[in-house]
C-alpha cells in the first residue's frame, strides 16, 4: 500500500513540476522553447507509461481549467484548442511511449533514449497535423517553424532527463518508494 501512495505522490509531483517549469519559455516562432519535454521525459523514465501519462493529463486539465501553466504563463481552452495545442496534447503520447520504452527495456539508457526520440516524434507528428489543420498552413511551413528548430533542444532535454531520471529513480528505489 505504501508503494501505491508514493507512486501517486510522485505523479502529483511530476504534474506540479510541469506546472511550475512549463510556463517559462523562450519564443522561437509560433512554438516557444520550454522545459516541458524535459519534464515529460523525466516523468516517463521515473514513473513509467501510466504514471507519466497521468502526470501529463493532470497538467493539461489544470491548464484547460485556466491556470497559467502553459508556455508564456497561459492557460485555458483557447490555448489548448489553438494552433499549437496539438503539441500540448502530444505530451500525452510522449509520456506513454517514452514510459513504455523505459519500462520494457528495464530502463536501459540507450533503449530509453531512442524510445524518447520516437515518443517526441509522435508529439511532433500530432502537433504538426493539428497546426496544419487549425492554422491552415502548409506542411513545409509547419515543419520549418514548429519542428526543425526544436530538434536539438529536445535531444538535449531527453539526455538531461535520462541522466537526472536515472539518479532520481535510483534514489527512490533505494528508499523503497517505487
N, C-alpha and C. Protein backbone atom coordinates (compact mmCIF):
# COMPACT_ATOMS: atom_id res chain seq x y z
N UNK A 1 0.82 -1.19 0.00
CA UNK A 1 0.00 0.00 0.00
C UNK A 1 0.87 1.27 0.00
N UNK A 2 1.99 1.21 0.74
CA UNK A 2 2.91 2.36 0.81
C UNK A 2 3.41 2.74 -0.58
N UNK A 3 3.73 1.72 -1.39
CA UNK A 3 4.22 2.00 -2.73
C UNK A 3 3.18 2.70 -3.58
N UNK A 4 1.93 2.28 -3.47
CA UNK A 4 0.86 2.88 -4.27
C UNK A 4 0.73 4.38 -3.95
N UNK A 5 0.76 4.72 -2.65
CA UNK A 5 0.66 6.13 -2.27
C UNK A 5 1.88 6.92 -2.72
N UNK A 6 3.04 6.32 -2.62
CA UNK A 6 4.24 7.04 -3.04
C UNK A 6 4.27 7.21 -4.55
N UNK A 7 3.74 6.26 -5.30
CA UNK A 7 3.66 6.41 -6.76
C UNK A 7 2.68 7.51 -7.14
N UNK A 8 1.54 7.58 -6.44
CA UNK A 8 0.58 8.67 -6.69
C UNK A 8 1.20 10.01 -6.33
N UNK A 9 1.93 10.06 -5.24
CA UNK A 9 2.60 11.30 -4.84
C UNK A 9 3.63 11.70 -5.89
N UNK A 10 4.35 10.73 -6.43
CA UNK A 10 5.33 11.02 -7.48
C UNK A 10 4.65 11.55 -8.73
N UNK A 11 3.49 11.01 -9.09
CA UNK A 11 2.72 11.52 -10.23
C UNK A 11 2.31 12.97 -9.98
N UNK A 12 1.84 13.24 -8.78
CA UNK A 12 1.43 14.61 -8.43
C UNK A 12 2.62 15.56 -8.48
N UNK A 13 3.78 15.09 -8.00
CA UNK A 13 4.98 15.94 -8.04
C UNK A 13 5.41 16.24 -9.47
N UNK A 14 5.31 15.25 -10.33
CA UNK A 14 5.68 15.48 -11.74
C UNK A 14 4.70 16.43 -12.40
N UNK A 15 3.41 16.30 -12.09
CA UNK A 15 2.42 17.24 -12.63
C UNK A 15 2.73 18.65 -12.13
N UNK A 16 3.08 18.76 -10.85
CA UNK A 16 3.41 20.06 -10.28
C UNK A 16 4.67 20.64 -10.94
N UNK A 17 5.66 19.78 -11.17
CA UNK A 17 6.89 20.23 -11.83
C UNK A 17 6.59 20.76 -13.23
N UNK A 18 5.72 20.06 -13.95
CA UNK A 18 5.29 20.54 -15.27
C UNK A 18 4.63 21.91 -15.15
N UNK A 19 3.75 22.05 -14.18
CA UNK A 19 3.03 23.31 -13.98
C UNK A 19 3.96 24.46 -13.63
N UNK A 20 5.00 24.18 -12.86
CA UNK A 20 5.92 25.22 -12.41
C UNK A 20 6.92 25.60 -13.50
N UNK A 21 7.45 24.61 -14.22
CA UNK A 21 8.51 24.89 -15.19
C UNK A 21 8.02 25.26 -16.59
N UNK A 22 6.92 24.66 -17.03
CA UNK A 22 6.47 24.84 -18.41
C UNK A 22 6.13 26.28 -18.80
N UNK A 23 5.62 27.11 -17.90
CA UNK A 23 5.32 28.48 -18.33
C UNK A 23 6.54 29.29 -18.75
N UNK A 24 7.71 28.92 -18.26
CA UNK A 24 8.91 29.65 -18.63
C UNK A 24 9.33 29.23 -20.03
N UNK A 25 9.43 30.19 -20.92
CA UNK A 25 9.72 29.84 -22.31
C UNK A 25 10.49 30.94 -23.01
N UNK A 26 11.09 30.53 -24.12
CA UNK A 26 11.79 31.45 -25.00
C UNK A 26 11.09 31.36 -26.35
N UNK A 27 10.51 32.45 -26.84
CA UNK A 27 9.80 32.39 -28.12
C UNK A 27 10.74 32.06 -29.28
N UNK A 28 10.34 31.06 -30.05
CA UNK A 28 11.07 30.69 -31.28
C UNK A 28 9.99 30.43 -32.32
N UNK A 29 9.49 31.49 -32.93
CA UNK A 29 8.37 31.35 -33.85
C UNK A 29 7.09 31.12 -33.07
N UNK A 30 6.12 30.42 -33.67
CA UNK A 30 4.83 30.24 -33.01
C UNK A 30 4.87 29.26 -31.83
N UNK A 31 5.90 28.44 -31.75
CA UNK A 31 6.03 27.47 -30.66
C UNK A 31 7.25 27.86 -29.83
N UNK A 32 7.07 28.15 -28.56
CA UNK A 32 8.22 28.53 -27.74
C UNK A 32 9.02 27.32 -27.24
N UNK A 33 10.28 27.55 -26.94
CA UNK A 33 11.11 26.53 -26.31
C UNK A 33 10.83 26.62 -24.81
N UNK A 34 10.46 25.51 -24.22
CA UNK A 34 10.24 25.47 -22.78
C UNK A 34 10.70 24.11 -22.25
N UNK A 35 10.75 23.96 -20.93
CA UNK A 35 11.26 22.71 -20.36
C UNK A 35 10.25 21.56 -20.30
N UNK A 36 9.09 21.70 -20.92
CA UNK A 36 8.03 20.69 -20.78
C UNK A 36 8.49 19.31 -21.24
N UNK A 37 9.11 19.20 -22.40
CA UNK A 37 9.54 17.88 -22.89
C UNK A 37 10.54 17.26 -21.92
N UNK A 38 11.39 18.07 -21.33
CA UNK A 38 12.32 17.57 -20.33
C UNK A 38 11.56 16.91 -19.18
N UNK A 39 10.56 17.60 -18.64
CA UNK A 39 9.81 17.08 -17.51
C UNK A 39 8.99 15.85 -17.91
N UNK A 40 8.40 15.86 -19.10
CA UNK A 40 7.63 14.71 -19.56
C UNK A 40 8.54 13.48 -19.69
N UNK A 41 9.72 13.67 -20.25
CA UNK A 41 10.66 12.55 -20.38
C UNK A 41 11.18 12.10 -19.02
N UNK A 42 11.42 13.04 -18.13
CA UNK A 42 11.84 12.70 -16.78
C UNK A 42 10.77 11.86 -16.09
N UNK A 43 9.53 12.30 -16.18
CA UNK A 43 8.41 11.56 -15.59
C UNK A 43 8.29 10.17 -16.21
N UNK A 44 8.49 10.09 -17.51
CA UNK A 44 8.38 8.80 -18.20
C UNK A 44 9.42 7.81 -17.71
N UNK A 45 10.64 8.28 -17.55
CA UNK A 45 11.70 7.39 -17.09
C UNK A 45 11.48 6.96 -15.65
N UNK A 46 11.09 7.90 -14.81
CA UNK A 46 10.93 7.60 -13.38
C UNK A 46 9.65 6.80 -13.12
N UNK A 47 8.55 7.21 -13.71
CA UNK A 47 7.24 6.66 -13.36
C UNK A 47 6.74 5.57 -14.31
N UNK A 48 7.26 5.52 -15.51
CA UNK A 48 6.73 4.59 -16.50
C UNK A 48 5.54 5.19 -17.23
N UNK A 49 4.94 4.40 -18.10
CA UNK A 49 3.90 4.88 -19.01
C UNK A 49 2.67 5.42 -18.30
N UNK A 50 2.10 4.64 -17.40
CA UNK A 50 0.85 5.07 -16.75
C UNK A 50 1.05 6.29 -15.86
N UNK A 51 2.10 6.27 -15.05
CA UNK A 51 2.35 7.38 -14.14
C UNK A 51 2.65 8.68 -14.88
N UNK A 52 3.47 8.59 -15.92
CA UNK A 52 3.80 9.78 -16.70
C UNK A 52 2.57 10.30 -17.44
N UNK A 53 1.79 9.39 -18.01
CA UNK A 53 0.57 9.78 -18.71
C UNK A 53 -0.37 10.52 -17.75
N UNK A 54 -0.53 9.98 -16.55
CA UNK A 54 -1.39 10.60 -15.55
C UNK A 54 -0.87 11.98 -15.16
N UNK A 55 0.42 12.11 -14.99
CA UNK A 55 1.01 13.41 -14.64
C UNK A 55 0.72 14.45 -15.71
N UNK A 56 0.90 14.06 -16.97
CA UNK A 56 0.66 14.99 -18.08
C UNK A 56 -0.83 15.31 -18.18
N UNK A 57 -1.67 14.32 -17.97
CA UNK A 57 -3.11 14.55 -18.03
C UNK A 57 -3.54 15.57 -16.96
N UNK A 58 -3.03 15.44 -15.76
CA UNK A 58 -3.34 16.40 -14.69
C UNK A 58 -2.88 17.79 -15.09
N UNK A 59 -1.67 17.88 -15.62
CA UNK A 59 -1.13 19.17 -16.09
C UNK A 59 -2.04 19.79 -17.15
N UNK A 60 -2.44 19.00 -18.14
CA UNK A 60 -3.30 19.51 -19.20
C UNK A 60 -4.67 19.94 -18.67
N UNK A 61 -5.22 19.18 -17.75
CA UNK A 61 -6.52 19.54 -17.18
C UNK A 61 -6.43 20.83 -16.36
N UNK A 62 -5.33 21.00 -15.65
CA UNK A 62 -5.14 22.25 -14.90
C UNK A 62 -5.03 23.44 -15.87
N UNK A 63 -4.31 23.24 -16.96
CA UNK A 63 -4.22 24.28 -17.98
C UNK A 63 -5.56 24.56 -18.64
N UNK A 64 -6.30 23.50 -18.92
CA UNK A 64 -7.63 23.63 -19.52
C UNK A 64 -8.56 24.42 -18.60
N UNK A 65 -8.40 24.22 -17.29
CA UNK A 65 -9.22 24.93 -16.31
C UNK A 65 -8.87 26.41 -16.23
N UNK A 66 -7.80 26.81 -16.90
CA UNK A 66 -7.44 28.22 -16.94
C UNK A 66 -6.22 28.61 -16.14
N UNK A 67 -5.63 27.66 -15.42
CA UNK A 67 -4.41 28.00 -14.69
C UNK A 67 -3.29 28.32 -15.69
N UNK A 68 -2.46 29.29 -15.42
CA UNK A 68 -1.42 29.70 -16.37
C UNK A 68 -0.20 28.78 -16.35
N UNK A 69 -0.39 27.54 -16.77
CA UNK A 69 0.67 26.54 -16.70
C UNK A 69 1.30 26.22 -18.05
N UNK A 70 0.75 26.78 -19.11
CA UNK A 70 1.32 26.55 -20.44
C UNK A 70 2.37 27.62 -20.72
N UNK A 71 3.08 27.48 -21.82
CA UNK A 71 4.16 28.41 -22.12
C UNK A 71 3.69 29.86 -22.09
N UNK A 72 4.56 30.72 -21.62
CA UNK A 72 4.22 32.13 -21.53
C UNK A 72 3.18 32.43 -20.47
N UNK A 73 3.02 31.53 -19.51
CA UNK A 73 2.05 31.69 -18.42
C UNK A 73 0.63 31.84 -18.97
N UNK A 74 0.30 30.96 -19.91
CA UNK A 74 -1.04 30.97 -20.48
C UNK A 74 -1.79 29.72 -20.05
N UNK A 75 -3.06 29.71 -20.29
CA UNK A 75 -3.90 28.56 -19.96
C UNK A 75 -5.25 28.75 -20.61
N UNK A 76 -6.12 27.78 -20.41
CA UNK A 76 -7.47 27.88 -20.94
C UNK A 76 -7.69 27.08 -22.20
N UNK A 77 -8.96 26.96 -22.56
CA UNK A 77 -9.36 26.18 -23.74
C UNK A 77 -8.77 26.77 -25.02
N UNK A 78 -8.69 28.10 -25.09
CA UNK A 78 -8.17 28.74 -26.30
C UNK A 78 -6.75 28.30 -26.61
N UNK A 79 -5.92 28.18 -25.60
CA UNK A 79 -4.53 27.75 -25.81
C UNK A 79 -4.48 26.27 -26.22
N UNK A 80 -5.28 25.47 -25.54
CA UNK A 80 -5.26 24.03 -25.81
C UNK A 80 -5.88 23.70 -27.16
N UNK A 81 -6.90 24.44 -27.57
CA UNK A 81 -7.57 24.18 -28.84
C UNK A 81 -6.96 24.98 -29.99
N UNK A 82 -6.04 25.88 -29.68
CA UNK A 82 -5.44 26.72 -30.71
C UNK A 82 -4.44 25.96 -31.57
N UNK A 83 -3.82 26.67 -32.50
CA UNK A 83 -2.91 26.02 -33.45
C UNK A 83 -1.77 25.23 -32.81
N UNK A 84 -1.28 25.66 -31.66
CA UNK A 84 -0.17 24.96 -31.01
C UNK A 84 -0.65 23.97 -29.95
N UNK A 85 -1.93 23.88 -29.75
CA UNK A 85 -2.48 22.97 -28.74
C UNK A 85 -2.19 21.51 -29.01
N UNK A 86 -2.01 21.15 -30.26
CA UNK A 86 -1.71 19.76 -30.60
C UNK A 86 -0.39 19.30 -30.02
N UNK A 87 0.55 20.21 -29.88
CA UNK A 87 1.83 19.85 -29.27
C UNK A 87 1.64 19.58 -27.78
N UNK A 88 0.76 20.34 -27.15
CA UNK A 88 0.46 20.08 -25.74
C UNK A 88 -0.21 18.72 -25.57
N UNK A 89 -1.19 18.43 -26.40
CA UNK A 89 -1.86 17.11 -26.36
C UNK A 89 -0.84 16.02 -26.68
N UNK A 90 0.09 16.33 -27.56
CA UNK A 90 1.14 15.38 -27.93
C UNK A 90 1.99 14.93 -26.76
N UNK A 91 2.03 15.73 -25.69
CA UNK A 91 2.77 15.32 -24.49
C UNK A 91 2.22 14.02 -23.92
N UNK A 92 0.94 13.78 -24.11
CA UNK A 92 0.36 12.51 -23.64
C UNK A 92 0.98 11.33 -24.38
N UNK A 93 1.15 11.48 -25.69
CA UNK A 93 1.79 10.42 -26.49
C UNK A 93 3.24 10.24 -26.05
N UNK A 94 3.92 11.37 -25.85
CA UNK A 94 5.31 11.31 -25.42
C UNK A 94 5.44 10.58 -24.10
N UNK A 95 4.59 10.94 -23.15
CA UNK A 95 4.65 10.32 -21.82
C UNK A 95 4.43 8.81 -21.90
N UNK A 96 3.42 8.40 -22.65
CA UNK A 96 3.09 6.99 -22.70
C UNK A 96 4.15 6.18 -23.45
N UNK A 97 4.54 6.65 -24.62
CA UNK A 97 5.50 5.91 -25.44
C UNK A 97 6.87 5.86 -24.76
N UNK A 98 7.33 6.99 -24.26
CA UNK A 98 8.65 7.02 -23.58
C UNK A 98 8.62 6.18 -22.32
N UNK A 99 7.53 6.25 -21.58
CA UNK A 99 7.40 5.45 -20.36
C UNK A 99 7.37 3.97 -20.66
N UNK A 100 6.69 3.60 -21.72
CA UNK A 100 6.63 2.20 -22.13
C UNK A 100 8.02 1.70 -22.55
N UNK A 101 8.74 2.52 -23.29
CA UNK A 101 10.10 2.14 -23.70
C UNK A 101 11.01 1.94 -22.49
N UNK A 102 10.89 2.84 -21.51
CA UNK A 102 11.70 2.73 -20.30
C UNK A 102 11.34 1.45 -19.54
N UNK A 103 10.05 1.21 -19.38
CA UNK A 103 9.60 0.02 -18.64
C UNK A 103 10.05 -1.27 -19.33
N UNK A 104 9.76 -1.37 -20.61
CA UNK A 104 10.02 -2.62 -21.35
C UNK A 104 11.51 -2.90 -21.50
N UNK A 105 12.33 -1.86 -21.45
CA UNK A 105 13.78 -2.06 -21.61
C UNK A 105 14.48 -2.26 -20.27
N UNK A 106 13.73 -2.27 -19.19
CA UNK A 106 14.37 -2.33 -17.88
C UNK A 106 15.12 -1.05 -17.59
N UNK A 107 14.67 0.03 -18.20
CA UNK A 107 15.24 1.37 -18.05
C UNK A 107 16.69 1.45 -18.53
N UNK A 108 17.00 0.66 -19.54
CA UNK A 108 18.33 0.77 -20.16
C UNK A 108 18.40 2.10 -20.89
N UNK A 109 19.48 2.79 -20.69
CA UNK A 109 19.63 4.17 -21.17
C UNK A 109 19.50 4.28 -22.69
N UNK A 110 20.20 3.47 -23.44
CA UNK A 110 20.19 3.61 -24.90
C UNK A 110 18.79 3.35 -25.45
N UNK A 111 18.15 2.29 -24.99
CA UNK A 111 16.80 1.98 -25.48
C UNK A 111 15.82 3.06 -25.02
N UNK A 112 15.96 3.52 -23.78
CA UNK A 112 15.10 4.59 -23.29
C UNK A 112 15.30 5.87 -24.10
N UNK A 113 16.55 6.17 -24.45
CA UNK A 113 16.85 7.35 -25.27
C UNK A 113 16.13 7.28 -26.61
N UNK A 114 16.27 6.15 -27.30
CA UNK A 114 15.62 6.03 -28.60
C UNK A 114 14.10 5.96 -28.47
N UNK A 115 13.62 5.39 -27.38
CA UNK A 115 12.18 5.40 -27.11
C UNK A 115 11.67 6.82 -26.93
N UNK A 116 12.45 7.65 -26.26
CA UNK A 116 12.06 9.05 -26.07
C UNK A 116 12.10 9.82 -27.38
N UNK A 117 13.06 9.49 -28.23
CA UNK A 117 13.12 10.13 -29.56
C UNK A 117 11.84 9.81 -30.33
N UNK A 118 11.46 8.55 -30.33
CA UNK A 118 10.22 8.13 -31.02
C UNK A 118 9.02 8.81 -30.38
N UNK A 119 9.01 8.89 -29.05
CA UNK A 119 7.89 9.50 -28.33
C UNK A 119 7.75 10.98 -28.66
N UNK A 120 8.86 11.69 -28.72
CA UNK A 120 8.81 13.11 -29.07
C UNK A 120 8.41 13.27 -30.53
N UNK A 121 8.87 12.37 -31.39
CA UNK A 121 8.46 12.41 -32.80
C UNK A 121 6.95 12.22 -32.93
N UNK A 122 6.37 11.39 -32.08
CA UNK A 122 4.91 11.21 -32.10
C UNK A 122 4.21 12.51 -31.72
N UNK A 123 4.75 13.22 -30.74
CA UNK A 123 4.18 14.52 -30.37
C UNK A 123 4.36 15.52 -31.50
N UNK A 124 5.52 15.51 -32.15
CA UNK A 124 5.74 16.38 -33.31
C UNK A 124 4.69 16.09 -34.38
N UNK A 125 4.49 14.81 -34.66
CA UNK A 125 3.54 14.41 -35.71
C UNK A 125 2.14 14.92 -35.37
N UNK A 126 1.67 14.60 -34.17
CA UNK A 126 0.32 15.00 -33.77
C UNK A 126 0.19 16.53 -33.77
N UNK A 127 1.16 17.20 -33.18
CA UNK A 127 1.12 18.66 -33.10
C UNK A 127 1.19 19.32 -34.46
N UNK A 128 1.99 18.76 -35.36
CA UNK A 128 2.13 19.34 -36.69
C UNK A 128 0.86 19.17 -37.50
N UNK A 129 0.26 17.99 -37.43
CA UNK A 129 -1.02 17.77 -38.12
C UNK A 129 -2.05 18.76 -37.59
N UNK A 130 -2.13 18.90 -36.27
CA UNK A 130 -3.06 19.84 -35.65
C UNK A 130 -2.79 21.27 -36.13
N UNK A 131 -1.51 21.66 -36.16
CA UNK A 131 -1.12 23.00 -36.58
C UNK A 131 -1.51 23.25 -38.04
N UNK A 132 -1.21 22.30 -38.91
CA UNK A 132 -1.52 22.45 -40.33
C UNK A 132 -3.03 22.65 -40.53
N UNK A 133 -3.82 21.85 -39.84
CA UNK A 133 -5.27 21.94 -39.99
C UNK A 133 -5.82 23.23 -39.37
N UNK A 134 -5.44 23.51 -38.12
CA UNK A 134 -6.04 24.66 -37.43
C UNK A 134 -5.53 26.01 -37.93
N UNK A 135 -4.29 26.06 -38.38
CA UNK A 135 -3.73 27.32 -38.88
C UNK A 135 -3.83 27.43 -40.40
N UNK A 136 -4.37 26.40 -41.03
CA UNK A 136 -4.47 26.35 -42.49
C UNK A 136 -3.11 26.64 -43.12
N UNK A 137 -2.10 25.97 -42.59
CA UNK A 137 -0.71 26.19 -43.01
C UNK A 137 -0.23 25.05 -43.90
N UNK A 138 0.77 25.35 -44.67
CA UNK A 138 1.43 24.33 -45.49
C UNK A 138 2.30 23.45 -44.59
N UNK A 139 2.44 22.19 -44.94
CA UNK A 139 3.24 21.26 -44.15
C UNK A 139 4.69 21.71 -44.03
N UNK A 140 5.27 22.17 -45.12
CA UNK A 140 6.66 22.64 -45.09
C UNK A 140 6.86 23.78 -44.12
N UNK A 141 5.92 24.72 -44.13
CA UNK A 141 5.99 25.84 -43.19
C UNK A 141 5.88 25.34 -41.76
N UNK A 142 4.91 24.47 -41.51
CA UNK A 142 4.71 23.95 -40.16
C UNK A 142 5.96 23.24 -39.65
N UNK A 143 6.56 22.42 -40.49
CA UNK A 143 7.79 21.73 -40.08
C UNK A 143 8.93 22.71 -39.82
N UNK A 144 9.02 23.76 -40.65
CA UNK A 144 10.13 24.70 -40.52
C UNK A 144 10.02 25.58 -39.28
N UNK A 145 8.81 25.83 -38.80
CA UNK A 145 8.67 26.69 -37.63
C UNK A 145 8.31 25.93 -36.36
N UNK A 146 7.75 24.75 -36.51
CA UNK A 146 7.24 24.03 -35.33
C UNK A 146 8.03 22.78 -34.95
N UNK A 147 8.88 22.31 -35.84
CA UNK A 147 9.60 21.06 -35.54
C UNK A 147 11.11 21.24 -35.66
N UNK A 148 11.58 21.58 -36.84
CA UNK A 148 13.03 21.61 -37.09
C UNK A 148 13.83 22.45 -36.10
N UNK A 149 13.36 23.65 -35.70
CA UNK A 149 14.16 24.42 -34.75
C UNK A 149 14.27 23.77 -33.36
N UNK A 150 13.39 22.84 -33.06
CA UNK A 150 13.31 22.28 -31.71
C UNK A 150 14.04 20.96 -31.53
N UNK A 151 14.43 20.35 -32.61
CA UNK A 151 15.07 19.04 -32.52
C UNK A 151 16.33 19.07 -31.65
N UNK A 152 17.26 20.00 -31.86
CA UNK A 152 18.46 19.99 -31.00
C UNK A 152 18.13 20.22 -29.52
N UNK A 153 17.20 21.14 -29.25
CA UNK A 153 16.80 21.41 -27.87
C UNK A 153 16.20 20.15 -27.23
N UNK A 154 15.33 19.48 -27.98
CA UNK A 154 14.65 18.31 -27.42
C UNK A 154 15.59 17.14 -27.22
N UNK A 155 16.58 16.99 -28.07
CA UNK A 155 17.57 15.92 -27.86
C UNK A 155 18.36 16.21 -26.57
N UNK A 156 18.72 17.47 -26.37
CA UNK A 156 19.42 17.84 -25.13
C UNK A 156 18.53 17.61 -23.90
N UNK A 157 17.25 17.94 -24.02
CA UNK A 157 16.31 17.73 -22.90
C UNK A 157 16.16 16.24 -22.59
N UNK A 158 16.11 15.43 -23.63
CA UNK A 158 15.99 13.97 -23.44
C UNK A 158 17.23 13.45 -22.70
N UNK A 159 18.40 13.86 -23.15
CA UNK A 159 19.64 13.40 -22.50
C UNK A 159 19.68 13.83 -21.03
N UNK A 160 19.30 15.07 -20.76
CA UNK A 160 19.29 15.55 -19.38
C UNK A 160 18.26 14.79 -18.54
N UNK A 161 17.10 14.53 -19.12
CA UNK A 161 16.05 13.79 -18.40
C UNK A 161 16.51 12.38 -18.06
N UNK A 162 17.22 11.75 -18.97
CA UNK A 162 17.73 10.40 -18.70
C UNK A 162 18.76 10.40 -17.58
N UNK A 163 19.67 11.33 -17.62
CA UNK A 163 20.71 11.40 -16.58
C UNK A 163 20.11 11.69 -15.21
N UNK A 164 19.26 12.68 -15.15
CA UNK A 164 18.63 13.04 -13.88
C UNK A 164 17.64 11.95 -13.45
N UNK A 165 16.89 11.43 -14.41
CA UNK A 165 15.90 10.39 -14.11
C UNK A 165 16.52 9.15 -13.53
N UNK A 166 17.66 8.78 -14.06
CA UNK A 166 18.36 7.59 -13.54
C UNK A 166 18.75 7.78 -12.08
N UNK A 167 19.27 8.96 -11.77
CA UNK A 167 19.67 9.26 -10.39
C UNK A 167 18.46 9.30 -9.45
N UNK A 168 17.40 9.96 -9.88
CA UNK A 168 16.21 10.09 -9.04
C UNK A 168 15.55 8.74 -8.85
N UNK A 169 15.39 7.99 -9.93
CA UNK A 169 14.75 6.67 -9.83
C UNK A 169 15.57 5.77 -8.92
N UNK A 170 16.88 5.82 -9.02
CA UNK A 170 17.73 5.00 -8.14
C UNK A 170 17.53 5.36 -6.68
N UNK A 171 17.47 6.66 -6.40
CA UNK A 171 17.28 7.10 -5.01
C UNK A 171 15.90 6.70 -4.50
N UNK A 172 14.88 6.84 -5.31
CA UNK A 172 13.53 6.44 -4.89
C UNK A 172 13.43 4.93 -4.68
N UNK A 173 14.11 4.20 -5.53
CA UNK A 173 14.11 2.74 -5.41
C UNK A 173 14.82 2.30 -4.12
N UNK A 174 15.98 2.89 -3.87
CA UNK A 174 16.72 2.55 -2.65
C UNK A 174 15.93 2.90 -1.39
N UNK A 175 15.10 3.92 -1.49
CA UNK A 175 14.28 4.34 -0.35
C UNK A 175 13.01 3.48 -0.24
N UNK A 176 12.80 2.60 -1.22
CA UNK A 176 11.61 1.75 -1.19
C UNK A 176 10.32 2.47 -1.56
N UNK A 177 10.44 3.59 -2.27
CA UNK A 177 9.26 4.37 -2.61
C UNK A 177 8.67 4.03 -3.97
N UNK A 178 9.45 3.35 -4.81
CA UNK A 178 8.90 2.90 -6.10
C UNK A 178 9.39 1.49 -6.38
